[in-house]
Protein backbone atom coordinates (compact mmCIF):
# COMPACT_ATOMS: atom_id res chain seq x y z
CA MET A 1 -4.30 -49.59 -159.67
CA GLU A 2 -2.19 -47.73 -157.10
CA HIS A 3 0.93 -48.34 -159.20
CA ILE A 4 -0.74 -46.87 -162.27
CA ILE A 5 -1.73 -43.73 -160.36
CA LEU A 6 1.79 -43.34 -158.92
CA PHE A 7 3.35 -43.89 -162.36
CA SER A 8 0.99 -41.31 -163.92
CA CYS A 9 1.87 -38.73 -161.25
CA ILE A 10 5.62 -39.22 -161.75
CA ILE A 11 5.31 -38.93 -165.54
CA SER A 12 3.20 -35.77 -165.19
CA ILE A 13 5.83 -34.14 -162.97
CA LEU A 14 8.62 -35.07 -165.38
CA LEU A 15 6.67 -33.65 -168.33
CA VAL A 16 6.30 -30.30 -166.56
CA TYR A 17 10.07 -29.96 -166.26
CA ALA A 18 10.83 -31.38 -169.70
CA GLU A 19 8.41 -29.09 -171.54
CA ALA A 20 9.49 -25.77 -170.03
CA ALA A 21 10.71 -23.53 -172.86
CA CYS A 22 13.84 -21.46 -172.24
CA TRP A 23 15.93 -19.29 -174.53
CA LEU A 24 19.02 -17.07 -174.41
CA ILE A 25 19.25 -13.58 -175.88
CA PRO A 26 22.91 -12.74 -176.68
CA GLY A 27 24.38 -9.68 -175.03
CA GLU A 28 25.73 -6.55 -176.67
CA GLY A 29 27.15 -4.66 -173.70
CA PRO A 30 27.33 -4.52 -169.93
CA SER A 31 23.51 -4.51 -169.42
CA CYS A 32 20.56 -6.42 -170.87
CA SER A 33 17.72 -4.95 -172.90
CA HIS A 34 14.43 -6.65 -173.77
CA GLU A 35 11.06 -5.19 -174.81
CA GLY A 36 12.07 -1.71 -173.67
CA VAL A 37 13.34 -2.87 -170.26
CA THR A 38 17.01 -2.42 -169.32
CA LEU A 39 18.51 -4.66 -166.63
CA ASP A 40 21.87 -4.79 -164.90
CA PRO A 41 23.61 -8.15 -164.35
CA GLY A 42 21.83 -10.08 -161.58
CA GLN A 43 18.50 -8.34 -162.09
CA THR A 44 15.38 -10.19 -163.24
CA TYR A 45 12.35 -9.24 -165.33
CA GLU A 46 9.02 -11.07 -165.28
CA LYS A 47 6.22 -10.70 -167.82
CA THR A 48 3.03 -11.67 -165.98
CA THR A 49 0.35 -10.91 -168.55
CA GLY A 50 -0.80 -13.62 -170.92
CA PRO A 51 -1.00 -15.25 -173.22
CA ARG A 52 2.78 -15.77 -172.96
CA CYS A 53 4.38 -15.24 -169.56
CA TYR A 54 8.07 -15.61 -168.82
CA LYS A 55 10.88 -14.67 -166.44
CA CYS A 56 14.32 -13.43 -167.54
CA GLN A 57 17.60 -12.91 -165.70
CA CYS A 58 20.43 -10.66 -166.86
CA HIS A 59 23.98 -12.06 -166.81
CA GLU A 60 27.46 -10.54 -167.20
CA GLY A 61 28.12 -9.45 -170.78
CA GLY A 62 24.47 -8.54 -171.31
CA GLU A 63 23.18 -12.07 -171.92
CA LEU A 64 19.53 -12.50 -171.00
CA ASP A 65 18.34 -15.98 -169.97
CA CYS A 66 14.55 -16.41 -170.17
CA CYS A 67 12.07 -19.23 -169.41
CA ASP A 68 8.32 -19.51 -169.90
CA THR A 69 6.13 -19.53 -166.80
CA GLY A 70 2.51 -20.54 -166.38
CA ASN A 71 1.00 -23.82 -167.51
CA ARG A 72 -0.69 -25.18 -170.61
CA ILE A 73 -3.38 -27.89 -170.57
CA VAL A 74 -2.54 -30.70 -173.01
CA ASN A 75 -5.02 -33.42 -172.05
CA TYR A 76 -8.59 -33.22 -170.73
CA PRO A 77 -11.98 -34.88 -171.36
CA ALA A 78 -13.29 -32.62 -174.14
CA ASP A 79 -16.82 -34.01 -173.89
CA ILE A 80 -17.41 -32.50 -170.41
CA CYS A 81 -14.66 -29.88 -170.04
CA LYS A 82 -13.05 -26.95 -171.80
CA VAL A 83 -9.86 -24.94 -171.34
CA VAL A 84 -9.92 -21.27 -170.30
CA ARG A 85 -7.06 -18.84 -169.69
CA ARG A 86 -6.67 -17.26 -166.27
CA GLY A 87 -3.70 -14.90 -166.21
CA CYS A 88 -0.64 -16.85 -167.34
CA ASN A 89 -2.27 -20.25 -166.86
CA GLU A 90 -4.70 -22.43 -168.73
CA VAL A 91 -7.31 -24.13 -166.54
CA ALA A 92 -9.62 -27.04 -167.36
CA VAL A 93 -13.19 -26.29 -166.23
CA ARG A 94 -16.62 -27.85 -166.69
CA LYS A 95 -18.41 -26.80 -169.87
CA THR A 96 -21.61 -26.24 -167.90
CA ASN A 97 -20.00 -24.04 -165.23
CA GLU A 98 -16.61 -22.32 -165.66
CA ASP A 99 -16.36 -21.83 -161.90
CA GLU A 100 -16.07 -25.59 -161.35
CA PRO A 101 -12.86 -27.52 -162.11
CA CYS A 102 -12.93 -30.37 -164.62
CA ASP A 103 -13.89 -33.71 -163.05
CA GLY A 104 -11.91 -35.88 -165.46
CA PRO A 105 -8.20 -36.60 -165.80
CA VAL A 106 -6.34 -33.43 -166.79
CA GLY A 107 -2.71 -33.14 -167.86
CA GLY A 108 -0.68 -29.99 -168.29
CA VAL A 109 2.84 -28.77 -168.94
CA LEU A 110 4.78 -25.71 -167.86
CA GLY A 111 5.21 -23.02 -170.46
């Protein structure tokens, strides 16, 4: 049983890193521009309001490298729990009381 728990934990950690979504916005000058924000090379921009949260960094040539932040619940016992959004993150909570965390096995991924 201990081996199964350890294996499950390792797989969960690997899934978090494997599922993170990143993208590159090509540059068109010395600075970066995204959603009305202008950045100089080396500067970062973070969108912290859901439902999609991400962090971007400006590089030389105006390229903007962005990755999703926050987590998304992908597995939970639907008979006793539900998923709610809190800021950038999804959280599994009890159906009978949203202030209590889900008692069952819950799996999530980043982004």
